Protein backbone atom coordinates (compact mmCIF):
# COMPACT_ATOMS: atom_id res chain seq x y z
CA UNK A 1 99.72 105.84 94.34
CA UNK A 2 98.83 106.88 97.76
CA UNK A 3 95.62 109.01 97.28
CA UNK A 4 96.88 110.31 93.94
CA UNK A 5 95.29 108.59 90.99
CA UNK A 6 97.94 107.82 88.42
CA UNK A 7 96.30 108.92 85.00
CA UNK A 8 98.08 111.31 82.94
CA UNK A 9 100.11 112.16 79.75
CA UNK A 10 102.99 113.64 77.97
CA UNK A 11 102.71 117.26 77.12
CA UNK A 12 100.41 118.79 74.61
CA UNK A 13 103.29 120.16 72.52
CA UNK A 14 104.51 116.63 71.80
CA UNK A 15 101.09 115.30 70.98
CA UNK A 16 100.18 118.32 68.84
CA UNK A 17 97.12 120.76 68.70
CA UNK A 18 94.49 117.96 68.56
CA UNK A 19 95.73 116.60 72.00
CA UNK A 20 94.38 119.86 73.63
CA UNK A 21 90.75 118.88 72.44
CA UNK A 22 91.28 115.37 73.67
CA UNK A 23 93.04 115.99 77.01
CA UNK A 24 91.37 116.09 80.17
CA UNK A 25 92.46 117.75 83.46
CA UNK A 26 91.37 116.72 86.96
CA UNK A 27 92.34 117.48 90.47
CA UNK A 28 91.91 115.86 93.87
CA UNK A 29 92.01 117.05 97.40
CA UNK A 30 91.94 115.03 100.73
CA UNK A 31 92.70 114.80 104.37
CA UNK A 32 93.64 111.78 106.51
CA UNK A 33 94.20 111.34 110.21
CA UNK A 34 97.42 109.54 109.60
CA UNK A 35 99.38 109.37 106.28
CA UNK A 36 100.33 105.73 106.05
CA UNK A 37 102.22 104.45 103.08
CA UNK A 38 103.35 100.96 102.52
CA UNK A 39 102.71 100.00 106.07
CA UNK A 40 104.55 103.07 107.62
CA UNK A 41 103.35 106.29 108.85
CA UNK A 42 104.79 109.43 107.06
CA UNK A 43 103.61 111.94 109.43
CA UNK A 44 104.57 110.45 112.80
CA UNK A 45 100.86 109.17 113.32
CA UNK A 46 99.57 112.97 112.77
CA UNK A 47 97.06 114.22 110.22
CA UNK A 48 97.90 115.32 106.69
CA UNK A 49 96.41 117.46 104.06
CA UNK A 50 97.04 116.19 100.41
CA UNK A 51 96.11 117.04 96.83
CA UNK A 52 97.14 116.82 93.26
CA UNK A 53 96.50 117.64 89.67
CA UNK A 54 96.43 115.26 86.53
CA UNK A 55 96.49 115.60 82.93
CA UNK A 56 95.22 112.62 80.74
CA UNK A 57 95.16 111.88 76.96
CA UNK A 58 92.72 109.36 75.39
CA UNK A 59 95.74 107.54 74.05
CA UNK A 60 96.60 106.38 77.63
CA UNK A 61 99.56 108.71 78.27
CA UNK A 62 99.34 110.65 81.64
CA UNK A 63 101.35 112.78 83.88
CA UNK A 64 100.58 114.65 87.15
CA UNK A 65 101.58 115.74 90.56
CA UNK A 66 100.61 115.22 94.13
CA UNK A 67 101.71 116.58 97.45
CA UNK A 68 101.26 115.96 101.23
CA UNK A 69 102.70 117.18 104.35
CA UNK A 70 105.17 114.64 106.13
CA UNK A 71 106.96 114.50 109.45
CA UNK A 72 110.06 112.39 109.94
CA UNK A 73 111.21 113.19 113.55
CA UNK A 74 115.01 113.27 114.12
CA UNK A 75 116.77 112.66 117.41
CA UNK A 76 119.85 114.80 118.60
CA UNK A 77 121.82 113.72 121.60
CA UNK A 78 123.62 116.51 123.65
CA UNK A 79 126.27 116.02 126.42
CA UNK A 80 126.95 119.12 128.58
CA UNK A 81 128.04 120.31 132.16
CA UNK A 82 130.34 118.60 134.74
CA UNK A 83 129.75 115.94 135.53
CA UNK A 84 128.40 115.27 132.01
CA UNK A 85 124.68 115.26 131.53
CA UNK A 86 123.31 113.64 128.42
CA UNK A 87 120.06 115.09 127.00
CA UNK A 88 118.05 113.55 124.13
CA UNK A 89 115.96 115.99 121.87
CA UNK A 90 113.49 114.86 119.45
CA UNK A 91 113.16 117.38 116.66
CA UNK A 92 109.74 117.87 114.94
CA UNK A 93 110.95 117.80 111.39
CA UNK A 94 107.76 118.74 109.48
CA UNK A 95 108.22 119.12 105.76
CA UNK A 96 106.48 118.12 102.54
CA UNK A 97 106.39 115.39 99.89
CA UNK A 98 105.86 116.34 96.19
CA UNK A 99 105.52 113.55 93.70
CA UNK A 100 105.89 114.03 89.84
CA UNK A 101 104.82 111.06 87.76
CA UNK A 102 103.89 109.94 84.28
CA UNK A 103 103.12 106.78 82.37
CA UNK A 104 100.88 104.87 80.16
CA UNK A 105 97.73 103.08 81.07
CA UNK A 106 95.02 101.15 79.13
CA UNK A 107 93.19 97.89 78.72
CA UNK A 108 93.82 94.82 76.49
CA UNK A 109 91.24 91.97 76.45
CA UNK A 110 89.81 93.01 79.77
CA UNK A 111 93.27 93.12 81.29
CA UNK A 112 94.08 96.74 82.70
CA UNK A 113 97.66 97.74 82.67
CA UNK A 114 99.67 100.70 83.83
CA UNK A 115 103.32 101.47 83.55
CA UNK A 116 105.20 104.68 84.54
CA UNK A 117 107.87 106.56 86.51
CA UNK A 118 107.51 108.65 89.77
CA UNK A 119 109.94 110.97 91.37
CA UNK A 120 109.47 111.51 95.10
CA UNK A 121 110.81 114.77 96.12
CA UNK A 122 111.28 116.16 99.91
CA UNK A 123 112.35 119.75 99.81
CA UNK A 124 112.82 120.15 103.54
CA UNK A 125 115.00 117.01 103.93
CA UNK A 126 118.54 116.51 102.66
CA UNK A 127 119.36 113.57 100.52
CA UNK A 128 115.91 112.04 100.54
CA UNK A 129 114.59 112.10 96.92
CA UNK A 130 114.21 108.87 94.98
CA UNK A 131 112.78 107.60 91.68
CA UNK A 132 110.80 104.54 90.92
CA UNK A 133 109.51 102.83 87.81
CA UNK A 134 106.43 100.80 88.31
CA UNK A 135 104.01 98.46 86.60
CA UNK A 136 100.64 96.79 87.39
CA UNK A 137 98.11 94.63 85.80
CA UNK A 138 94.27 94.30 86.84
CA UNK A 139 91.57 91.91 86.12
CA UNK A 140 88.15 92.65 87.46
CA UNK A 141 88.37 93.02 91.14
CA UNK A 142 92.09 92.02 91.31
CA UNK A 143 95.28 93.98 90.83
CA UNK A 144 98.99 93.25 91.12
CA UNK A 145 101.91 95.59 90.81
CA UNK A 146 105.72 96.16 91.28
CA UNK A 147 107.91 99.14 91.83
CA UNK A 148 111.62 99.34 91.58
CA UNK A 149 113.89 102.08 92.77
CA UNK A 150 116.12 103.18 89.99
CA UNK A 151 117.89 106.21 91.64
CA UNK A 152 118.02 107.46 95.25
CA UNK A 153 119.97 110.07 97.35
CA UNK A 154 119.20 107.96 100.31
CA UNK A 155 122.02 105.36 101.07
CA UNK A 156 121.05 101.90 100.14
CA UNK A 157 117.68 102.65 98.83
CA UNK A 158 118.50 102.25 95.05
CA UNK A 159 117.59 98.81 93.89
CA UNK A 160 114.62 98.42 96.35
CA UNK A 161 111.76 96.30 95.16
CA UNK A 162 108.13 96.69 96.29
CA UNK A 163 105.47 94.40 95.06
CA UNK A 164 101.66 94.00 96.06
CA UNK A 165 98.39 92.35 95.28
CA UNK A 166 95.03 93.80 96.00
CA UNK A 167 91.42 93.20 95.79
CA UNK A 168 88.39 95.59 95.78
CA UNK A 169 84.68 94.60 96.14
CA UNK A 170 81.67 96.96 95.62
CA UNK A 171 79.05 96.59 98.38
CA UNK A 172 75.39 97.88 98.67
CA UNK A 173 74.64 101.41 99.79
CA UNK A 174 77.71 102.81 98.13
CA UNK A 175 80.30 100.82 100.39
CA UNK A 176 83.37 99.30 99.08
CA UNK A 177 85.88 96.91 100.64
CA UNK A 178 89.70 96.82 99.58
CA UNK A 179 92.42 94.48 100.92
CA UNK A 180 96.19 94.97 100.01
CA UNK A 181 99.08 92.84 100.80
CA UNK A 182 102.62 94.23 99.96
CA UNK A 183 106.26 93.30 100.38
CA UNK A 184 109.31 95.46 100.25
CA UNK A 185 112.81 93.97 99.93
CA UNK A 186 116.17 95.63 99.34
CA UNK A 187 117.98 92.38 99.37
CA UNK A 188 119.42 93.16 102.74
CA UNK A 189 118.08 94.82 105.84
CA UNK A 190 114.79 95.85 104.29
CA UNK A 191 112.43 92.88 104.12
CA UNK A 192 108.85 93.26 105.51
CA UNK A 193 105.20 92.58 104.46
CA UNK A 194 102.34 94.86 105.12
CA UNK A 195 98.61 94.49 105.19
CA UNK A 196 95.96 96.94 104.71
CA UNK A 197 91.99 96.78 104.91
CA UNK A 198 89.93 99.69 103.71
CA UNK A 199 86.13 100.14 104.04
CA UNK A 200 85.02 103.09 101.80
CA UNK A 201 81.74 104.97 101.64
CA UNK A 202 80.84 107.11 98.61
CA UNK A 203 78.98 110.31 99.49
CA UNK A 204 78.23 111.58 96.02
CA UNK A 205 79.27 115.25 95.58
CA UNK A 206 80.80 115.20 99.13
CA UNK A 207 83.46 112.79 98.10
CA UNK A 208 84.54 109.54 99.57
CA UNK A 209 85.20 108.44 103.22
CA UNK A 210 87.52 105.60 104.12
CA UNK A 211 88.37 103.78 107.45
CA UNK A 212 91.65 101.98 107.16
CA UNK A 213 93.60 99.54 109.16
CA UNK A 214 97.26 98.85 108.30
CA UNK A 215 100.07 96.88 109.77
CA UNK A 216 103.38 95.09 108.83
CA UNK A 217 105.43 92.33 110.26
CA UNK A 218 108.19 94.44 111.66
CA UNK A 219 108.62 93.86 115.36
CA UNK A 220 108.35 97.56 116.25
CA UNK A 221 105.26 98.21 114.18
CA UNK A 222 101.78 98.84 115.82
CA UNK A 223 98.60 98.46 113.91
CA UNK A 224 97.46 101.82 112.39
CA UNK A 225 93.67 102.81 112.30
CA UNK A 226 93.02 105.95 110.41
CA UNK A 227 90.17 107.60 108.54
CA UNK A 228 90.46 109.56 105.36
CA UNK A 229 88.30 111.79 103.07
CA UNK A 230 88.90 112.62 99.31
CA UNK A 231 87.20 114.29 96.49
CA UNK A 232 88.09 114.63 92.75
CA UNK A 233 87.18 117.22 90.38
C-alpha cells in the first residue's frame, strides 16, 4: 500500500502476554518527488515526505499506520465590479493523508496471501475519508489483488473496485524491476486503467532508491516520472 508495507497484527491485549515476546515493531520513512497513487498524483505533482509504523505477529496478524502530505487544489470563481469581472482563484489546499490498516498475511503451499482493511483519513479535507477491504495473492515474482470501498464520505465512492496485477524481478548489482497494471471502476464515470514501471536500486544501510514512470488512459492524464527514497527500520 503506497510506500507502506502491510505487515501487522491485532493488539497484544487480545493475543496475550506471549504475543509481546513474539511481536515485532518496524518503521519506515521516505521522500518522493511526486506522490502518485493508482495512476494519479496526490500532491499536485509536488514532493512528499512519508512514513509509518507497523506491528506484526508471527501468526500473520498485523496492524499499522502510514502518513503523507497531500495537495488537492480547489478552484474558486469570484464575480465582482461593474461591469462584472470574473476572477478564478486556485487554492493551494495542502493537507495530510493518514492511513490505518490491519489484516492477516501468510503463505500456503508457496502461495502468499494478504487480506485486510484500511481506513484513509484526510483531516484537513471535509467529507473525504473512506474505507477499503482488500485481498491479494502472490506466487514467486507475480502478485494480483483487489480492493473494494465499503464506506466513504465522498459522494459515489462507496462500491468502487480497484484491482491490479504486478510482477517484480531481481536484477544484478542490487537492482530490481517492477511492473504494475491496475484498473479502477465504480460502475459509472470512474473507469480507467493505469500502468507503472519501477526501477529500484538497493543501497544497503542507506535504503532504496526508485525511479518510476506512471500513466493512465484518461484523456487528461500525462505520464508521471518521479524518484523516491525509502528506508525501513
